[in-house]
Full PDB file with SEQRES, HELIX, SHEET, SSBOND, CRYST1, ORIGX, SCALE, CONECT and MASTER records, all heavy atoms in Angstrom:
SEQRES   1 A   34  LEU GLY VAL VAL ALA GLY TRP SER ARG TYR LEU GLU VAL          
SEQRES   2 A   34  ARG LEU PRO GLU GLY GLU GLN LYS ALA PRO SER TRP ALA          
SEQRES   3 A   34  TRP ARG VAL ALA PHE VAL LEU ILE                              
HELIX    1 AA1 GLY A    2  ARG A   14  1                                  13    
HELIX    2 AA2 LYS A   21  LEU A   33  1                                  13    
CRYST1    1.000    1.000    1.000  90.00  90.00  90.00 P 1           1          
ORIGX1      1.000000  0.000000  0.000000        0.00000                         
ORIGX2      0.000000  1.000000  0.000000        0.00000                         
ORIGX3      0.000000  0.000000  1.000000        0.00000                         
SCALE1      1.000000  0.000000  0.000000        0.00000                         
SCALE2      0.000000  1.000000  0.000000        0.00000                         
SCALE3      0.000000  0.000000  1.000000        0.00000                         
ATOM      1  N   LEU A   1     102.469 115.084 102.319  1.00  0.00           N  
ATOM      2  CA  LEU A   1     102.274 113.693 101.891  1.00  0.00           C  
ATOM      3  C   LEU A   1     100.911 113.504 101.227  1.00  0.00           C  
ATOM      4  O   LEU A   1     100.780 112.701 100.303  1.00  0.00           O  
ATOM      5  CB  LEU A   1     102.423 112.744 103.079  1.00  0.00           C  
ATOM      6  CG  LEU A   1     103.855 112.549 103.577  1.00  0.00           C  
ATOM      7  CD1 LEU A   1     103.863 111.873 104.942  1.00  0.00           C  
ATOM      8  CD2 LEU A   1     104.672 111.759 102.565  1.00  0.00           C  
ATOM      9  N   GLY A   2      99.904 114.250 101.662  1.00  0.00           N  
ATOM     10  CA  GLY A   2      98.594 114.195 101.012  1.00  0.00           C  
ATOM     11  C   GLY A   2      98.660 114.690  99.579  1.00  0.00           C  
ATOM     12  O   GLY A   2      98.056 114.103  98.679  1.00  0.00           O  
ATOM     13  N   VAL A   3      99.411 115.764  99.362  1.00  0.00           N  
ATOM     14  CA  VAL A   3      99.592 116.286  97.992  1.00  0.00           C  
ATOM     15  C   VAL A   3     100.338 115.261  97.145  1.00  0.00           C  
ATOM     16  O   VAL A   3      99.947 114.980  95.999  1.00  0.00           O  
ATOM     17  CB  VAL A   3     100.327 117.645  98.022  1.00  0.00           C  
ATOM     18  CG1 VAL A   3     100.711 118.085  96.617  1.00  0.00           C  
ATOM     19  CG2 VAL A   3      99.461 118.706  98.698  1.00  0.00           C  
ATOM     20  N   VAL A   4     101.392 114.677  97.697  1.00  0.00           N  
ATOM     21  CA  VAL A   4     102.157 113.642  96.969  1.00  0.00           C  
ATOM     22  C   VAL A   4     101.255 112.447  96.643  1.00  0.00           C  
ATOM     23  O   VAL A   4     101.264 111.939  95.523  1.00  0.00           O  
ATOM     24  CB  VAL A   4     103.386 113.181  97.797  1.00  0.00           C  
ATOM     25  CG1 VAL A   4     103.999 111.916  97.226  1.00  0.00           C  
ATOM     26  CG2 VAL A   4     104.415 114.292  97.866  1.00  0.00           C  
ATOM     27  N   ALA A   5     100.466 112.016  97.628  1.00  0.00           N  
ATOM     28  CA  ALA A   5      99.578 110.872  97.408  1.00  0.00           C  
ATOM     29  C   ALA A   5      98.560 111.177  96.312  1.00  0.00           C  
ATOM     30  O   ALA A   5      98.324 110.343  95.430  1.00  0.00           O  
ATOM     31  CB  ALA A   5      98.865 110.502  98.712  1.00  0.00           C  
ATOM     32  N   GLY A   6      97.973 112.353  96.358  1.00  0.00           N  
ATOM     33  CA  GLY A   6      96.969 112.707  95.355  1.00  0.00           C  
ATOM     34  C   GLY A   6      97.524 112.747  93.951  1.00  0.00           C  
ATOM     35  O   GLY A   6      96.960 112.150  93.023  1.00  0.00           O  
ATOM     36  N   TRP A   7      98.620 113.425  93.774  1.00  0.00           N  
ATOM     37  CA  TRP A   7      99.174 113.546  92.426  1.00  0.00           C  
ATOM     38  C   TRP A   7      99.818 112.256  91.951  1.00  0.00           C  
ATOM     39  O   TRP A   7      99.810 111.955  90.752  1.00  0.00           O  
ATOM     40  CB  TRP A   7     100.125 114.737  92.328  1.00  0.00           C  
ATOM     41  CG  TRP A   7      99.343 116.004  92.396  1.00  0.00           C  
ATOM     42  CD1 TRP A   7      99.368 116.935  93.391  1.00  0.00           C  
ATOM     43  CD2 TRP A   7      98.356 116.447  91.464  1.00  0.00           C  
ATOM     44  NE1 TRP A   7      98.458 117.937  93.123  1.00  0.00           N  
ATOM     45  CE2 TRP A   7      97.820 117.666  91.956  1.00  0.00           C  
ATOM     46  CE3 TRP A   7      97.857 115.943  90.267  1.00  0.00           C  
ATOM     47  CZ2 TRP A   7      96.830 118.371  91.287  1.00  0.00           C  
ATOM     48  CZ3 TRP A   7      96.861 116.655  89.605  1.00  0.00           C  
ATOM     49  CH2 TRP A   7      96.364 117.854  90.112  1.00  0.00           C  
ATOM     50  N   SER A   8     100.326 111.434  92.867  1.00  0.00           N  
ATOM     51  CA  SER A   8     100.853 110.123  92.472  1.00  0.00           C  
ATOM     52  C   SER A   8      99.722 109.229  91.983  1.00  0.00           C  
ATOM     53  O   SER A   8      99.858 108.522  90.986  1.00  0.00           O  
ATOM     54  CB  SER A   8     101.565 109.452  93.640  1.00  0.00           C  
ATOM     55  OG  SER A   8     102.661 110.206  94.049  1.00  0.00           O  
ATOM     56  N   ARG A   9      98.610 109.250  92.695  1.00  0.00           N  
ATOM     57  CA  ARG A   9      97.458 108.452  92.272  1.00  0.00           C  
ATOM     58  C   ARG A   9      96.922 108.962  90.932  1.00  0.00           C  
ATOM     59  O   ARG A   9      96.516 108.185  90.065  1.00  0.00           O  
ATOM     60  CB  ARG A   9      96.374 108.489  93.349  1.00  0.00           C  
ATOM     61  CG  ARG A   9      95.097 107.793  92.971  1.00  0.00           C  
ATOM     62  CD  ARG A   9      95.248 106.279  92.878  1.00  0.00           C  
ATOM     63  NE  ARG A   9      93.946 105.699  92.583  1.00  0.00           N  
ATOM     64  CZ  ARG A   9      93.727 104.835  91.619  1.00  0.00           C  
ATOM     65  NH1 ARG A   9      94.723 104.379  90.886  1.00  0.00           N  
ATOM     66  NH2 ARG A   9      92.520 104.372  91.395  1.00  0.00           N  
ATOM     67  N   TYR A  10      96.932 110.281  90.751  1.00  0.00           N  
ATOM     68  CA  TYR A  10      96.497 110.857  89.477  1.00  0.00           C  
ATOM     69  C   TYR A  10      97.383 110.336  88.333  1.00  0.00           C  
ATOM     70  O   TYR A  10      96.883 109.936  87.280  1.00  0.00           O  
ATOM     71  CB  TYR A  10      96.550 112.382  89.548  1.00  0.00           C  
ATOM     72  CG  TYR A  10      96.128 113.066  88.277  1.00  0.00           C  
ATOM     73  CD1 TYR A  10      94.782 113.247  87.984  1.00  0.00           C  
ATOM     74  CD2 TYR A  10      97.071 113.518  87.361  1.00  0.00           C  
ATOM     75  CE1 TYR A  10      94.379 113.874  86.815  1.00  0.00           C  
ATOM     76  CE2 TYR A  10      96.678 114.141  86.190  1.00  0.00           C  
ATOM     77  CZ  TYR A  10      95.335 114.316  85.922  1.00  0.00           C  
ATOM     78  OH  TYR A  10      94.957 114.927  84.763  1.00  0.00           O  
ATOM     79  N   LEU A  11      98.682 110.332  88.562  1.00  0.00           N  
ATOM     80  CA  LEU A  11      99.593 109.801  87.536  1.00  0.00           C  
ATOM     81  C   LEU A  11      99.351 108.317  87.286  1.00  0.00           C  
ATOM     82  O   LEU A  11      99.385 107.861  86.139  1.00  0.00           O  
ATOM     83  CB  LEU A  11     101.047 110.024  87.946  1.00  0.00           C  
ATOM     84  CG  LEU A  11     101.569 111.440  87.825  1.00  0.00           C  
ATOM     85  CD1 LEU A  11     102.982 111.537  88.407  1.00  0.00           C  
ATOM     86  CD2 LEU A  11     101.561 111.893  86.374  1.00  0.00           C  
ATOM     87  N   GLU A  12      99.106 107.572  88.359  1.00  0.00           N  
ATOM     88  CA  GLU A  12      98.838 106.141  88.195  1.00  0.00           C  
ATOM     89  C   GLU A  12      97.616 105.912  87.303  1.00  0.00           C  
ATOM     90  O   GLU A  12      97.621 105.035  86.439  1.00  0.00           O  
ATOM     91  CB  GLU A  12      98.615 105.492  89.566  1.00  0.00           C  
ATOM     92  CG  GLU A  12      98.320 104.009  89.482  1.00  0.00           C  
ATOM     93  CD  GLU A  12      97.919 103.409  90.806  1.00  0.00           C  
ATOM     94  OE1 GLU A  12      97.449 104.148  91.703  1.00  0.00           O  
ATOM     95  OE2 GLU A  12      98.043 102.177  90.934  1.00  0.00           O  
ATOM     96  N   VAL A  13      96.583 106.709  87.497  1.00  0.00           N  
ATOM     97  CA  VAL A  13      95.359 106.573  86.713  1.00  0.00           C  
ATOM     98  C   VAL A  13      95.586 107.001  85.264  1.00  0.00           C  
ATOM     99  O   VAL A  13      95.066 106.381  84.336  1.00  0.00           O  
ATOM    100  CB  VAL A  13      94.221 107.416  87.350  1.00  0.00           C  
ATOM    101  CG1 VAL A  13      93.020 107.509  86.434  1.00  0.00           C  
ATOM    102  CG2 VAL A  13      93.828 106.833  88.697  1.00  0.00           C  
ATOM    103  N   ARG A  14      96.385 108.036  85.053  1.00  0.00           N  
ATOM    104  CA  ARG A  14      96.568 108.615  83.721  1.00  0.00           C  
ATOM    105  C   ARG A  14      97.620 107.904  82.856  1.00  0.00           C  
ATOM    106  O   ARG A  14      97.504 107.915  81.636  1.00  0.00           O  
ATOM    107  CB  ARG A  14      96.980 110.087  83.837  1.00  0.00           C  
ATOM    108  CG  ARG A  14      95.928 110.990  84.438  1.00  0.00           C  
ATOM    109  CD  ARG A  14      94.826 111.269  83.502  1.00  0.00           C  
ATOM    110  NE  ARG A  14      95.343 111.961  82.327  1.00  0.00           N  
ATOM    111  CZ  ARG A  14      94.609 112.404  81.359  1.00  0.00           C  
ATOM    112  NH1 ARG A  14      93.319 112.268  81.404  1.00  0.00           N  
ATOM    113  NH2 ARG A  14      95.133 113.007  80.323  1.00  0.00           N  
ATOM    114  N   LEU A  15      98.644 107.351  83.496  1.00  0.00           N  
ATOM    115  CA  LEU A  15      99.732 106.753  82.714  1.00  0.00           C  
ATOM    116  C   LEU A  15      99.297 105.454  82.046  1.00  0.00           C  
ATOM    117  O   LEU A  15      98.431 104.741  82.547  1.00  0.00           O  
ATOM    118  CB  LEU A  15     100.933 106.475  83.625  1.00  0.00           C  
ATOM    119  CG  LEU A  15     101.722 107.698  84.080  1.00  0.00           C  
ATOM    120  CD1 LEU A  15     102.777 107.308  85.100  1.00  0.00           C  
ATOM    121  CD2 LEU A  15     102.368 108.406  82.903  1.00  0.00           C  
ATOM    122  N   PRO A  16      99.938 105.136  80.912  1.00  0.00           N  
ATOM    123  CA  PRO A  16      99.609 103.874  80.241  1.00  0.00           C  
ATOM    124  C   PRO A  16     100.057 102.664  81.071  1.00  0.00           C  
ATOM    125  O   PRO A  16     100.932 102.770  81.933  1.00  0.00           O  
ATOM    126  CB  PRO A  16     100.390 103.948  78.925  1.00  0.00           C  
ATOM    127  CG  PRO A  16     101.297 105.098  79.024  1.00  0.00           C  
ATOM    128  CD  PRO A  16     100.906 105.927  80.195  1.00  0.00           C  
ATOM    129  N   GLU A  17      99.425 101.549  80.807  1.00  0.00           N  
ATOM    130  CA  GLU A  17      99.753 100.292  81.486  1.00  0.00           C  
ATOM    131  C   GLU A  17     101.259 100.023  81.382  1.00  0.00           C  
ATOM    132  O   GLU A  17     101.857 100.216  80.338  1.00  0.00           O  
ATOM    133  CB  GLU A  17      98.981  99.152  80.808  1.00  0.00           C  
ATOM    134  CG  GLU A  17      98.767  97.939  81.651  1.00  0.00           C  
ATOM    135  CD  GLU A  17      97.823  98.164  82.817  1.00  0.00           C  
ATOM    136  OE1 GLU A  17      96.851  98.923  82.670  1.00  0.00           O  
ATOM    137  OE2 GLU A  17      98.066  97.590  83.875  1.00  0.00           O  
ATOM    138  N   GLY A  18     101.869  99.628  82.469  1.00  0.00           N  
ATOM    139  CA  GLY A  18     103.298  99.354  82.483  1.00  0.00           C  
ATOM    140  C   GLY A  18     104.133 100.502  83.022  1.00  0.00           C  
ATOM    141  O   GLY A  18     105.272 100.300  83.425  1.00  0.00           O  
ATOM    142  N   GLU A  19     103.599 101.699  83.021  1.00  0.00           N  
ATOM    143  CA  GLU A  19     104.330 102.865  83.543  1.00  0.00           C  
ATOM    144  C   GLU A  19     103.744 103.353  84.870  1.00  0.00           C  
ATOM    145  O   GLU A  19     104.086 104.431  85.333  1.00  0.00           O  
ATOM    146  CB  GLU A  19     104.292 104.003  82.520  1.00  0.00           C  
ATOM    147  CG  GLU A  19     105.009 103.684  81.228  1.00  0.00           C  
ATOM    148  CD  GLU A  19     104.958 104.859  80.269  1.00  0.00           C  
ATOM    149  OE1 GLU A  19     104.876 106.011  80.725  1.00  0.00           O  
ATOM    150  OE2 GLU A  19     104.993 104.621  79.051  1.00  0.00           O  
ATOM    151  N   GLN A  20     102.903 102.544  85.471  1.00  0.00           N  
ATOM    152  CA  GLN A  20     102.188 102.969  86.669  1.00  0.00           C  
ATOM    153  C   GLN A  20     102.844 102.529  87.967  1.00  0.00           C  
ATOM    154  O   GLN A  20     102.388 102.914  89.038  1.00  0.00           O  
ATOM    155  CB  GLN A  20     100.760 102.413  86.634  1.00  0.00           C  
ATOM    156  CG  GLN A  20      99.978 102.862  85.436  1.00  0.00           C  
ATOM    157  CD  GLN A  20      98.693 102.080  85.289  1.00  0.00           C  
ATOM    158  OE1 GLN A  20      98.590 100.951  85.715  1.00  0.00           O  
ATOM    159  NE2 GLN A  20      97.713 102.694  84.658  1.00  0.00           N  
ATOM    160  N   LYS A  21     103.904 101.760  87.901  1.00  0.00           N  
ATOM    161  CA  LYS A  21     104.468 101.151  89.109  1.00  0.00           C  
ATOM    162  C   LYS A  21     104.986 102.192  90.107  1.00  0.00           C  
ATOM    163  O   LYS A  21     104.647 102.129  91.298  1.00  0.00           O  
ATOM    164  CB  LYS A  21     105.587 100.185  88.730  1.00  0.00           C  
ATOM    165  CG  LYS A  21     106.048  99.344  89.880  1.00  0.00           C  
ATOM    166  CD  LYS A  21     106.984  98.249  89.430  1.00  0.00           C  
ATOM    167  CE  LYS A  21     107.261  97.336  90.604  1.00  0.00           C  
ATOM    168  NZ  LYS A  21     107.959  96.139  90.232  1.00  0.00           N  
ATOM    169  N   ALA A  22     105.780 103.140  89.674  1.00  0.00           N  
ATOM    170  CA  ALA A  22     106.355 104.132  90.598  1.00  0.00           C  
ATOM    171  C   ALA A  22     105.277 104.999  91.253  1.00  0.00           C  
ATOM    172  O   ALA A  22     105.258 105.131  92.484  1.00  0.00           O  
ATOM    173  CB  ALA A  22     107.390 104.997  89.878  1.00  0.00           C  
ATOM    174  N   PRO A  23     104.349 105.590  90.478  1.00  0.00           N  
ATOM    175  CA  PRO A  23     103.309 106.377  91.151  1.00  0.00           C  
ATOM    176  C   PRO A  23     102.405 105.529  92.044  1.00  0.00           C  
ATOM    177  O   PRO A  23     101.930 105.987  93.075  1.00  0.00           O  
ATOM    178  CB  PRO A  23     102.519 107.020  90.022  1.00  0.00           C  
ATOM    179  CG  PRO A  23     103.106 106.575  88.760  1.00  0.00           C  
ATOM    180  CD  PRO A  23     104.275 105.713  89.036  1.00  0.00           C  
ATOM    181  N   SER A  24     102.187 104.272  91.648  1.00  0.00           N  
ATOM    182  CA  SER A  24     101.363 103.384  92.457  1.00  0.00           C  
ATOM    183  C   SER A  24     101.990 103.170  93.835  1.00  0.00           C  
ATOM    184  O   SER A  24     101.312 103.210  94.864  1.00  0.00           O  
ATOM    185  CB  SER A  24     101.187 102.045  91.739  1.00  0.00           C  
ATOM    186  OG  SER A  24     100.496 101.132  92.557  1.00  0.00           O  
ATOM    187  N   TRP A  25     103.280 102.955  93.855  1.00  0.00           N  
ATOM    188  CA  TRP A  25     103.988 102.793  95.130  1.00  0.00           C  
ATOM    189  C   TRP A  25     104.058 104.104  95.893  1.00  0.00           C  
ATOM    190  O   TRP A  25     103.948 104.122  97.120  1.00  0.00           O  
ATOM    191  CB  TRP A  25     105.401 102.253  94.891  1.00  0.00           C  
ATOM    192  CG  TRP A  25     105.421 100.767  94.804  1.00  0.00           C  
ATOM    193  CD1 TRP A  25     105.468 100.015  93.666  1.00  0.00           C  
ATOM    194  CD2 TRP A  25     105.365  99.849  95.891  1.00  0.00           C  
ATOM    195  NE1 TRP A  25     105.447  98.679  93.989  1.00  0.00           N  
ATOM    196  CE2 TRP A  25     105.392  98.556  95.352  1.00  0.00           C  
ATOM    197  CE3 TRP A  25     105.291 100.002  97.269  1.00  0.00           C  
ATOM    198  CZ2 TRP A  25     105.349  97.418  96.140  1.00  0.00           C  
ATOM    199  CZ3 TRP A  25     105.249  98.866  98.058  1.00  0.00           C  
ATOM    200  CH2 TRP A  25     105.274  97.597  97.495  1.00  0.00           C  
ATOM    201  N   ALA A  26     104.241 105.204  95.197  1.00  0.00           N  
ATOM    202  CA  ALA A  26     104.413 106.505  95.856  1.00  0.00           C  
ATOM    203  C   ALA A  26     103.188 106.878  96.688  1.00  0.00           C  
ATOM    204  O   ALA A  26     103.315 107.300  97.839  1.00  0.00           O  
ATOM    205  CB  ALA A  26     104.706 107.595  94.819  1.00  0.00           C  
ATOM    206  N   TRP A  27     101.977 106.739  96.133  1.00  0.00           N  
ATOM    207  CA  TRP A  27     100.801 107.150  96.909  1.00  0.00           C  
ATOM    208  C   TRP A  27     100.544 106.186  98.056  1.00  0.00           C  
ATOM    209  O   TRP A  27     100.098 106.597  99.125  1.00  0.00           O  
ATOM    210  CB  TRP A  27      99.583 107.389  96.040  1.00  0.00           C  
ATOM    211  CG  TRP A  27      98.832 106.201  95.521  1.00  0.00           C  
ATOM    212  CD1 TRP A  27      98.946 105.624  94.291  1.00  0.00           C  
ATOM    213  CD2 TRP A  27      97.804 105.475  96.201  1.00  0.00           C  
ATOM    214  NE1 TRP A  27      98.072 104.579  94.173  1.00  0.00           N  
ATOM    215  CE2 TRP A  27      97.353 104.465  95.334  1.00  0.00           C  
ATOM    216  CE3 TRP A  27      97.220 105.572  97.465  1.00  0.00           C  
ATOM    217  CZ2 TRP A  27      96.359 103.551  95.680  1.00  0.00           C  
ATOM    218  CZ3 TRP A  27      96.227 104.667  97.811  1.00  0.00           C  
ATOM    219  CH2 TRP A  27      95.806 103.676  96.927  1.00  0.00           C  
ATOM    220  N   ARG A  28     100.852 104.917  97.869  1.00  0.00           N  
ATOM    221  CA  ARG A  28     100.660 103.954  98.962  1.00  0.00           C  
ATOM    222  C   ARG A  28     101.629 104.226 100.110  1.00  0.00           C  
ATOM    223  O   ARG A  28     101.241 104.197 101.283  1.00  0.00           O  
ATOM    224  CB  ARG A  28     100.811 102.538  98.437  1.00  0.00           C  
ATOM    225  CG  ARG A  28      99.648 102.087  97.584  1.00  0.00           C  
ATOM    226  CD  ARG A  28      99.906 100.701  96.978  1.00  0.00           C  
ATOM    227  NE  ARG A  28      98.733 100.149  96.365  1.00  0.00           N  
ATOM    228  CZ  ARG A  28      98.383 100.324  95.097  1.00  0.00           C  
ATOM    229  NH1 ARG A  28      99.125 101.060  94.309  1.00  0.00           N  
ATOM    230  NH2 ARG A  28      97.292  99.775  94.621  1.00  0.00           N  
ATOM    231  N   VAL A  29     102.886 104.487  99.774  1.00  0.00           N  
ATOM    232  CA  VAL A  29     103.884 104.811 100.801  1.00  0.00           C  
ATOM    233  C   VAL A  29     103.514 106.103 101.516  1.00  0.00           C  
ATOM    234  O   VAL A  29     103.629 106.202 102.748  1.00  0.00           O  
ATOM    235  CB  VAL A  29     105.308 104.898 100.177  1.00  0.00           C  
ATOM    236  CG1 VAL A  29     106.302 105.490 101.148  1.00  0.00           C  
ATOM    237  CG2 VAL A  29     105.768 103.512  99.722  1.00  0.00           C  
ATOM    238  N   ALA A  30     103.024 107.092 100.765  1.00  0.00           N  
ATOM    239  CA  ALA A  30     102.607 108.359 101.375  1.00  0.00           C  
ATOM    240  C   ALA A  30     101.492 108.123 102.391  1.00  0.00           C  
ATOM    241  O   ALA A  30     101.513 108.687 103.492  1.00  0.00           O  
ATOM    242  CB  ALA A  30     102.159 109.351 100.301  1.00  0.00           C  
ATOM    243  N   PHE A  31     100.537 107.266 102.063  1.00  0.00           N  
ATOM    244  CA  PHE A  31      99.448 106.985 103.007  1.00  0.00           C  
ATOM    245  C   PHE A  31      99.945 106.237 104.243  1.00  0.00           C  
ATOM    246  O   PHE A  31      99.489 106.506 105.358  1.00  0.00           O  
ATOM    247  CB  PHE A  31      98.331 106.205 102.313  1.00  0.00           C  
ATOM    248  CG  PHE A  31      97.209 107.079 101.838  1.00  0.00           C  
ATOM    249  CD1 PHE A  31      97.453 108.102 100.935  1.00  0.00           C  
ATOM    250  CD2 PHE A  31      95.931 106.910 102.301  1.00  0.00           C  
ATOM    251  CE1 PHE A  31      96.445 108.923 100.503  1.00  0.00           C  
ATOM    252  CE2 PHE A  31      94.896 107.728 101.873  1.00  0.00           C  
ATOM    253  CZ  PHE A  31      95.154 108.735 100.973  1.00  0.00           C  
ATOM    254  N   VAL A  32     100.871 105.320 104.067  1.00  0.00           N  
ATOM    255  CA  VAL A  32     101.449 104.618 105.223  1.00  0.00           C  
ATOM    256  C   VAL A  32     102.194 105.601 106.116  1.00  0.00           C  
ATOM    257  O   VAL A  32     102.069 105.565 107.350  1.00  0.00           O  
ATOM    258  CB  VAL A  32     102.374 103.461 104.766  1.00  0.00           C  
ATOM    259  CG1 VAL A  32     103.191 102.913 105.917  1.00  0.00           C  
ATOM    260  CG2 VAL A  32     101.544 102.356 104.122  1.00  0.00           C  
ATOM    261  N   LEU A  33     102.947 106.502 105.516  1.00  0.00           N  
ATOM    262  CA  LEU A  33     103.665 107.509 106.296  1.00  0.00           C  
ATOM    263  C   LEU A  33     102.707 108.438 107.043  1.00  0.00           C  
ATOM    264  O   LEU A  33     102.960 108.792 108.201  1.00  0.00           O  
ATOM    265  CB  LEU A  33     104.612 108.309 105.399  1.00  0.00           C  
ATOM    266  CG  LEU A  33     105.807 107.535 104.852  1.00  0.00           C  
ATOM    267  CD1 LEU A  33     106.578 108.384 103.843  1.00  0.00           C  
ATOM    268  CD2 LEU A  33     106.709 107.066 105.973  1.00  0.00           C  
ATOM    269  N   ILE A  34     101.607 108.800 106.407  1.00  0.00           N  
ATOM    270  CA  ILE A  34     100.594 109.608 107.095  1.00  0.00           C  
ATOM    271  C   ILE A  34     100.059 108.839 108.301  1.00  0.00           C  
ATOM    272  O   ILE A  34      99.905 109.395 109.396  1.00  0.00           O  
ATOM    273  CB  ILE A  34      99.446 109.995 106.138  1.00  0.00           C  
ATOM    274  CG1 ILE A  34      99.937 111.023 105.115  1.00  0.00           C  
ATOM    275  CG2 ILE A  34      98.243 110.539 106.911  1.00  0.00           C  
ATOM    276  CD1 ILE A  34      98.954 111.286 103.985  1.00  0.00           C  
TER     277      ILE A  34                                                      
MASTER        0    0    0    2    0    0    0    6  276    1    0    3          
END                                                                             
């Protein structure tokens, strides 16, 4: 989950505005699960 959170956050930072929703949720959910 730490790996998923890290790379999801990386995608959120790198993706253009409007395409960040899925990675944004993915790293947050990963942290809640941790």
